[in-house]
Amino acid sequence: MTSVSYETSRSLKEKLVLAALFSKERNESLRRPARRLLSGYRWSDLVHQIVFDLVMKTPLSRRDILKSELPGLLTRRGFPDYDLSWLSTEVSSEQAIASLRELARQTRHHDRTP
């Protein structure tokens, strides 16, 4: 039986939420709660933070354009050749909401830890 480390699990949850934010079906229902719940979240990977910030600033109608421009945007920010294949992951609404809630809980827990 393989144990998944906390950081790996956290990174996977972040990727699920971000992939869902790019999904046409899930984006609108997830966008507001993600903005509210993850506003003070400390992302495990700086690229995840950059992607989150960009998708939150981009109008829904430009989401597909952002996705195609993302590699260039990341390169200009110092992250050339970053693998973004995970953004095309199919994520169910249940997975996305569960991951979002878990990340939000981790943020609240972290804020209380001295």
N, C-alpha and C. Protein backbone atom coordinates (compact mmCIF):
# COMPACT_ATOMS: atom_id res chain seq x y z
N MET A 1 0.84 -1.17 0.00
CA MET A 1 0.00 0.00 0.00
C MET A 1 0.90 1.25 0.00
N THR A 2 0.61 2.19 -0.87
CA THR A 2 1.42 3.38 -1.00
C THR A 2 0.81 4.52 -0.21
N SER A 3 1.66 5.22 0.53
CA SER A 3 1.21 6.37 1.29
C SER A 3 1.52 7.64 0.51
N VAL A 4 0.54 8.51 0.39
CA VAL A 4 0.73 9.77 -0.31
C VAL A 4 1.07 10.82 0.74
N SER A 5 2.18 11.52 0.53
CA SER A 5 2.59 12.53 1.49
C SER A 5 1.59 13.67 1.54
N TYR A 6 1.63 14.40 2.64
CA TYR A 6 0.75 15.54 2.83
C TYR A 6 0.93 16.55 1.71
N GLU A 7 2.18 16.89 1.37
CA GLU A 7 2.44 17.88 0.32
C GLU A 7 1.96 17.41 -1.04
N THR A 8 2.14 16.11 -1.33
CA THR A 8 1.66 15.58 -2.60
C THR A 8 0.15 15.63 -2.65
N SER A 9 -0.50 15.24 -1.58
CA SER A 9 -1.95 15.28 -1.51
C SER A 9 -2.46 16.71 -1.67
N ARG A 10 -1.82 17.64 -1.00
CA ARG A 10 -2.21 19.04 -1.08
C ARG A 10 -2.05 19.56 -2.50
N SER A 11 -0.93 19.25 -3.13
CA SER A 11 -0.67 19.69 -4.50
C SER A 11 -1.71 19.12 -5.46
N LEU A 12 -2.08 17.86 -5.27
CA LEU A 12 -3.10 17.24 -6.12
C LEU A 12 -4.45 17.93 -5.94
N LYS A 13 -4.81 18.27 -4.72
CA LYS A 13 -6.07 18.98 -4.47
C LYS A 13 -6.05 20.35 -5.13
N GLU A 14 -4.93 21.04 -5.04
CA GLU A 14 -4.81 22.33 -5.69
C GLU A 14 -5.01 22.19 -7.20
N LYS A 15 -4.37 21.19 -7.78
CA LYS A 15 -4.50 20.97 -9.22
C LYS A 15 -5.93 20.64 -9.61
N LEU A 16 -6.64 19.87 -8.79
CA LEU A 16 -8.04 19.56 -9.08
C LEU A 16 -8.89 20.82 -9.08
N VAL A 17 -8.69 21.67 -8.09
CA VAL A 17 -9.46 22.92 -8.02
C VAL A 17 -9.14 23.79 -9.23
N LEU A 18 -7.87 23.93 -9.56
CA LEU A 18 -7.49 24.78 -10.69
C LEU A 18 -8.02 24.21 -12.01
N ALA A 19 -7.94 22.89 -12.19
CA ALA A 19 -8.49 22.28 -13.40
C ALA A 19 -9.99 22.52 -13.48
N ALA A 20 -10.68 22.42 -12.36
CA ALA A 20 -12.12 22.66 -12.33
C ALA A 20 -12.44 24.11 -12.69
N LEU A 21 -11.60 25.04 -12.27
CA LEU A 21 -11.82 26.45 -12.59
C LEU A 21 -11.69 26.72 -14.10
N PHE A 22 -10.97 25.86 -14.80
CA PHE A 22 -10.86 25.99 -16.25
C PHE A 22 -11.95 25.21 -16.98
N SER A 23 -12.69 24.39 -16.26
CA SER A 23 -13.74 23.58 -16.86
C SER A 23 -14.97 24.44 -17.13
N LYS A 24 -15.51 24.36 -18.31
CA LYS A 24 -16.69 25.15 -18.66
C LYS A 24 -17.87 24.80 -17.78
N GLU A 25 -18.02 23.54 -17.43
CA GLU A 25 -19.17 23.10 -16.66
C GLU A 25 -19.08 23.51 -15.20
N ARG A 26 -17.89 23.55 -14.63
CA ARG A 26 -17.75 23.77 -13.19
C ARG A 26 -17.35 25.19 -12.81
N ASN A 27 -16.81 25.91 -13.76
CA ASN A 27 -16.19 27.19 -13.44
C ASN A 27 -17.12 28.15 -12.73
N GLU A 28 -18.30 28.37 -13.26
CA GLU A 28 -19.18 29.39 -12.69
C GLU A 28 -19.62 29.04 -11.28
N SER A 29 -19.89 27.77 -11.01
CA SER A 29 -20.34 27.37 -9.67
C SER A 29 -19.19 27.32 -8.66
N LEU A 30 -17.97 27.26 -9.13
CA LEU A 30 -16.81 27.13 -8.25
C LEU A 30 -16.06 28.46 -8.06
N ARG A 31 -16.21 29.35 -8.99
CA ARG A 31 -15.42 30.59 -9.00
C ARG A 31 -15.60 31.43 -7.73
N ARG A 32 -16.84 31.73 -7.36
CA ARG A 32 -17.08 32.57 -6.17
C ARG A 32 -16.59 31.91 -4.89
N PRO A 33 -16.97 30.65 -4.65
CA PRO A 33 -16.46 30.03 -3.42
C PRO A 33 -14.93 29.92 -3.40
N ALA A 34 -14.32 29.65 -4.54
CA ALA A 34 -12.86 29.56 -4.60
C ALA A 34 -12.24 30.91 -4.24
N ARG A 35 -12.78 31.97 -4.79
CA ARG A 35 -12.24 33.31 -4.49
C ARG A 35 -12.37 33.61 -3.00
N ARG A 36 -13.52 33.27 -2.42
CA ARG A 36 -13.77 33.56 -1.01
C ARG A 36 -12.93 32.67 -0.09
N LEU A 37 -12.93 31.37 -0.35
CA LEU A 37 -12.29 30.43 0.55
C LEU A 37 -10.77 30.38 0.42
N LEU A 38 -10.25 30.73 -0.75
CA LEU A 38 -8.80 30.61 -0.97
C LEU A 38 -8.10 31.96 -1.04
N SER A 39 -8.76 33.01 -0.62
CA SER A 39 -8.16 34.35 -0.71
C SER A 39 -6.86 34.44 0.10
N GLY A 40 -6.76 33.79 1.24
CA GLY A 40 -5.54 33.84 2.04
C GLY A 40 -4.76 32.55 2.02
N TYR A 41 -5.07 31.68 1.11
CA TYR A 41 -4.44 30.36 1.05
C TYR A 41 -2.98 30.46 0.59
N ARG A 42 -2.11 29.68 1.22
CA ARG A 42 -0.70 29.59 0.82
C ARG A 42 -0.53 28.37 -0.06
N TRP A 43 -0.38 28.60 -1.34
CA TRP A 43 -0.28 27.53 -2.32
C TRP A 43 1.03 26.77 -2.16
N SER A 44 1.00 25.48 -2.45
CA SER A 44 2.19 24.65 -2.31
C SER A 44 3.20 24.90 -3.43
N ASP A 45 2.74 25.48 -4.52
CA ASP A 45 3.58 25.72 -5.68
C ASP A 45 3.27 27.13 -6.19
N LEU A 46 4.30 27.92 -6.41
CA LEU A 46 4.10 29.30 -6.86
C LEU A 46 3.32 29.34 -8.18
N VAL A 47 3.55 28.37 -9.04
CA VAL A 47 2.81 28.33 -10.31
C VAL A 47 1.31 28.17 -10.04
N HIS A 48 0.94 27.38 -9.05
CA HIS A 48 -0.48 27.23 -8.72
C HIS A 48 -1.06 28.58 -8.31
N GLN A 49 -0.30 29.34 -7.51
CA GLN A 49 -0.75 30.68 -7.09
C GLN A 49 -0.94 31.59 -8.30
N ILE A 50 0.03 31.56 -9.21
CA ILE A 50 -0.04 32.40 -10.41
C ILE A 50 -1.26 32.02 -11.25
N VAL A 51 -1.47 30.72 -11.46
CA VAL A 51 -2.61 30.26 -12.25
C VAL A 51 -3.92 30.68 -11.58
N PHE A 52 -4.01 30.51 -10.27
CA PHE A 52 -5.22 30.92 -9.55
C PHE A 52 -5.47 32.42 -9.72
N ASP A 53 -4.45 33.22 -9.51
CA ASP A 53 -4.61 34.67 -9.65
C ASP A 53 -5.06 35.05 -11.05
N LEU A 54 -4.46 34.43 -12.05
CA LEU A 54 -4.82 34.74 -13.44
C LEU A 54 -6.25 34.33 -13.76
N VAL A 55 -6.65 33.14 -13.35
CA VAL A 55 -8.00 32.68 -13.67
C VAL A 55 -9.05 33.50 -12.92
N MET A 56 -8.73 33.98 -11.74
CA MET A 56 -9.67 34.81 -10.99
C MET A 56 -9.82 36.20 -11.61
N LYS A 57 -8.76 36.70 -12.26
CA LYS A 57 -8.79 38.02 -12.88
C LYS A 57 -9.37 38.00 -14.30
N THR A 58 -9.41 36.83 -14.90
CA THR A 58 -9.81 36.71 -16.30
C THR A 58 -11.32 36.51 -16.41
N PRO A 59 -11.98 37.30 -17.26
CA PRO A 59 -13.42 37.09 -17.47
C PRO A 59 -13.70 35.67 -17.97
N LEU A 60 -14.84 35.14 -17.59
CA LEU A 60 -15.19 33.77 -17.99
C LEU A 60 -15.13 33.58 -19.50
N SER A 61 -15.48 34.60 -20.25
CA SER A 61 -15.50 34.49 -21.71
C SER A 61 -14.10 34.34 -22.30
N ARG A 62 -13.07 34.67 -21.53
CA ARG A 62 -11.69 34.58 -22.03
C ARG A 62 -10.91 33.40 -21.44
N ARG A 63 -11.60 32.53 -20.74
CA ARG A 63 -10.95 31.39 -20.07
C ARG A 63 -10.16 30.52 -21.04
N ASP A 64 -10.74 30.21 -22.22
CA ASP A 64 -10.03 29.36 -23.19
C ASP A 64 -8.79 30.06 -23.74
N ILE A 65 -8.89 31.38 -23.93
CA ILE A 65 -7.74 32.14 -24.41
C ILE A 65 -6.64 32.12 -23.35
N LEU A 66 -7.02 32.33 -22.08
CA LEU A 66 -6.05 32.29 -21.00
C LEU A 66 -5.33 30.94 -20.97
N LYS A 67 -6.08 29.86 -21.11
CA LYS A 67 -5.48 28.53 -21.06
C LYS A 67 -4.43 28.36 -22.17
N SER A 68 -4.72 28.88 -23.35
CA SER A 68 -3.75 28.75 -24.45
C SER A 68 -2.55 29.69 -24.26
N GLU A 69 -2.75 30.81 -23.58
CA GLU A 69 -1.67 31.77 -23.36
C GLU A 69 -0.86 31.48 -22.09
N LEU A 70 -1.34 30.58 -21.27
CA LEU A 70 -0.71 30.30 -19.98
C LEU A 70 0.76 29.91 -20.08
N PRO A 71 1.17 29.01 -21.00
CA PRO A 71 2.60 28.68 -21.07
C PRO A 71 3.48 29.90 -21.29
N GLY A 72 3.08 30.81 -22.18
CA GLY A 72 3.86 32.02 -22.42
C GLY A 72 3.87 32.94 -21.22
N LEU A 73 2.74 33.09 -20.57
CA LEU A 73 2.66 33.93 -19.37
C LEU A 73 3.58 33.39 -18.28
N LEU A 74 3.59 32.07 -18.10
CA LEU A 74 4.45 31.47 -17.08
C LEU A 74 5.93 31.61 -17.45
N THR A 75 6.24 31.47 -18.72
CA THR A 75 7.63 31.63 -19.16
C THR A 75 8.12 33.03 -18.86
N ARG A 76 7.29 34.02 -19.13
CA ARG A 76 7.68 35.41 -18.85
C ARG A 76 7.82 35.68 -17.35
N ARG A 77 7.22 34.84 -16.53
CA ARG A 77 7.34 35.00 -15.07
C ARG A 77 8.44 34.11 -14.49
N GLY A 78 9.19 33.45 -15.36
CA GLY A 78 10.33 32.67 -14.90
C GLY A 78 10.09 31.17 -14.78
N PHE A 79 9.01 30.67 -15.37
CA PHE A 79 8.70 29.24 -15.30
C PHE A 79 8.57 28.66 -16.70
N PRO A 80 9.69 28.55 -17.43
CA PRO A 80 9.61 27.98 -18.79
C PRO A 80 9.35 26.47 -18.75
N ASP A 81 8.70 26.00 -19.75
CA ASP A 81 8.47 24.56 -19.92
C ASP A 81 7.78 23.91 -18.73
N TYR A 82 6.90 24.60 -18.09
CA TYR A 82 6.17 24.04 -16.95
C TYR A 82 5.04 23.17 -17.49
N ASP A 83 4.95 21.94 -17.01
CA ASP A 83 3.92 21.00 -17.47
C ASP A 83 2.55 21.40 -16.93
N LEU A 84 1.66 21.76 -17.83
CA LEU A 84 0.31 22.16 -17.44
C LEU A 84 -0.75 21.14 -17.89
N SER A 85 -0.31 19.94 -18.23
CA SER A 85 -1.26 18.93 -18.72
C SER A 85 -2.37 18.64 -17.71
N TRP A 86 -2.09 18.83 -16.42
CA TRP A 86 -3.08 18.58 -15.38
C TRP A 86 -4.27 19.52 -15.46
N LEU A 87 -4.13 20.65 -16.17
CA LEU A 87 -5.26 21.57 -16.31
C LEU A 87 -6.38 20.98 -17.16
N SER A 88 -6.07 19.93 -17.92
CA SER A 88 -7.08 19.28 -18.76
C SER A 88 -7.74 18.09 -18.06
N THR A 89 -7.43 17.89 -16.79
CA THR A 89 -8.01 16.79 -16.03
C THR A 89 -9.51 16.99 -15.87
N GLU A 90 -10.27 15.95 -16.12
CA GLU A 90 -11.71 16.00 -15.89
C GLU A 90 -11.95 15.87 -14.39
N VAL A 91 -12.67 16.82 -13.84
CA VAL A 91 -12.92 16.86 -12.41
C VAL A 91 -14.42 16.92 -12.18
N SER A 92 -14.93 16.02 -11.36
CA SER A 92 -16.36 16.06 -11.05
C SER A 92 -16.63 17.22 -10.10
N SER A 93 -17.85 17.67 -10.08
CA SER A 93 -18.22 18.75 -9.15
C SER A 93 -17.94 18.34 -7.72
N GLU A 94 -18.22 17.09 -7.40
CA GLU A 94 -17.99 16.60 -6.04
C GLU A 94 -16.52 16.65 -5.67
N GLN A 95 -15.65 16.22 -6.59
CA GLN A 95 -14.20 16.26 -6.35
C GLN A 95 -13.72 17.69 -6.15
N ALA A 96 -14.19 18.58 -7.02
CA ALA A 96 -13.75 19.97 -6.96
C ALA A 96 -14.17 20.62 -5.66
N ILE A 97 -15.42 20.44 -5.27
CA ILE A 97 -15.92 21.05 -4.03
C ILE A 97 -15.22 20.45 -2.82
N ALA A 98 -15.04 19.13 -2.81
CA ALA A 98 -14.36 18.48 -1.68
C ALA A 98 -12.92 18.98 -1.56
N SER A 99 -12.23 19.11 -2.68
CA SER A 99 -10.85 19.60 -2.66
C SER A 99 -10.80 21.06 -2.21
N LEU A 100 -11.72 21.86 -2.71
CA LEU A 100 -11.78 23.27 -2.31
C LEU A 100 -12.00 23.40 -0.81
N ARG A 101 -12.93 22.63 -0.28
CA ARG A 101 -13.21 22.69 1.16
C ARG A 101 -12.02 22.23 1.99
N GLU A 102 -11.34 21.20 1.53
CA GLU A 102 -10.17 20.70 2.27
C GLU A 102 -9.05 21.75 2.27
N LEU A 103 -8.81 22.39 1.15
CA LEU A 103 -7.79 23.43 1.09
C LEU A 103 -8.17 24.60 1.99
N ALA A 104 -9.44 24.95 2.01
CA ALA A 104 -9.90 26.04 2.88
C ALA A 104 -9.72 25.66 4.35
N ARG A 105 -10.00 24.40 4.70
CA ARG A 105 -9.79 23.94 6.09
C ARG A 105 -8.31 24.02 6.45
N GLN A 106 -7.45 23.65 5.53
CA GLN A 106 -6.01 23.71 5.79
C GLN A 106 -5.58 25.15 6.02
N THR A 107 -6.18 26.08 5.29
CA THR A 107 -5.86 27.50 5.48
C THR A 107 -6.27 27.95 6.85
N ARG A 108 -7.48 27.62 7.28
CA ARG A 108 -7.95 28.01 8.60
C ARG A 108 -7.10 27.39 9.69
N HIS A 109 -6.73 26.11 9.53
CA HIS A 109 -5.89 25.42 10.51
C HIS A 109 -4.52 26.10 10.59
N HIS A 110 -3.97 26.42 9.43
CA HIS A 110 -2.65 27.06 9.39
C HIS A 110 -2.69 28.43 10.07
N ASP A 111 -3.78 29.17 9.89
CA ASP A 111 -3.91 30.49 10.50
C ASP A 111 -3.96 30.42 12.02
N ARG A 112 -4.45 29.31 12.57
CA ARG A 112 -4.53 29.16 14.03
C ARG A 112 -3.27 28.61 14.63
N THR A 113 -2.40 28.00 13.80
CA THR A 113 -1.18 27.39 14.31
C THR A 113 -0.16 28.48 14.63
N PRO A 114 0.40 28.45 15.89
CA PRO A 114 1.37 29.50 16.26
C PRO A 114 2.65 29.42 15.47
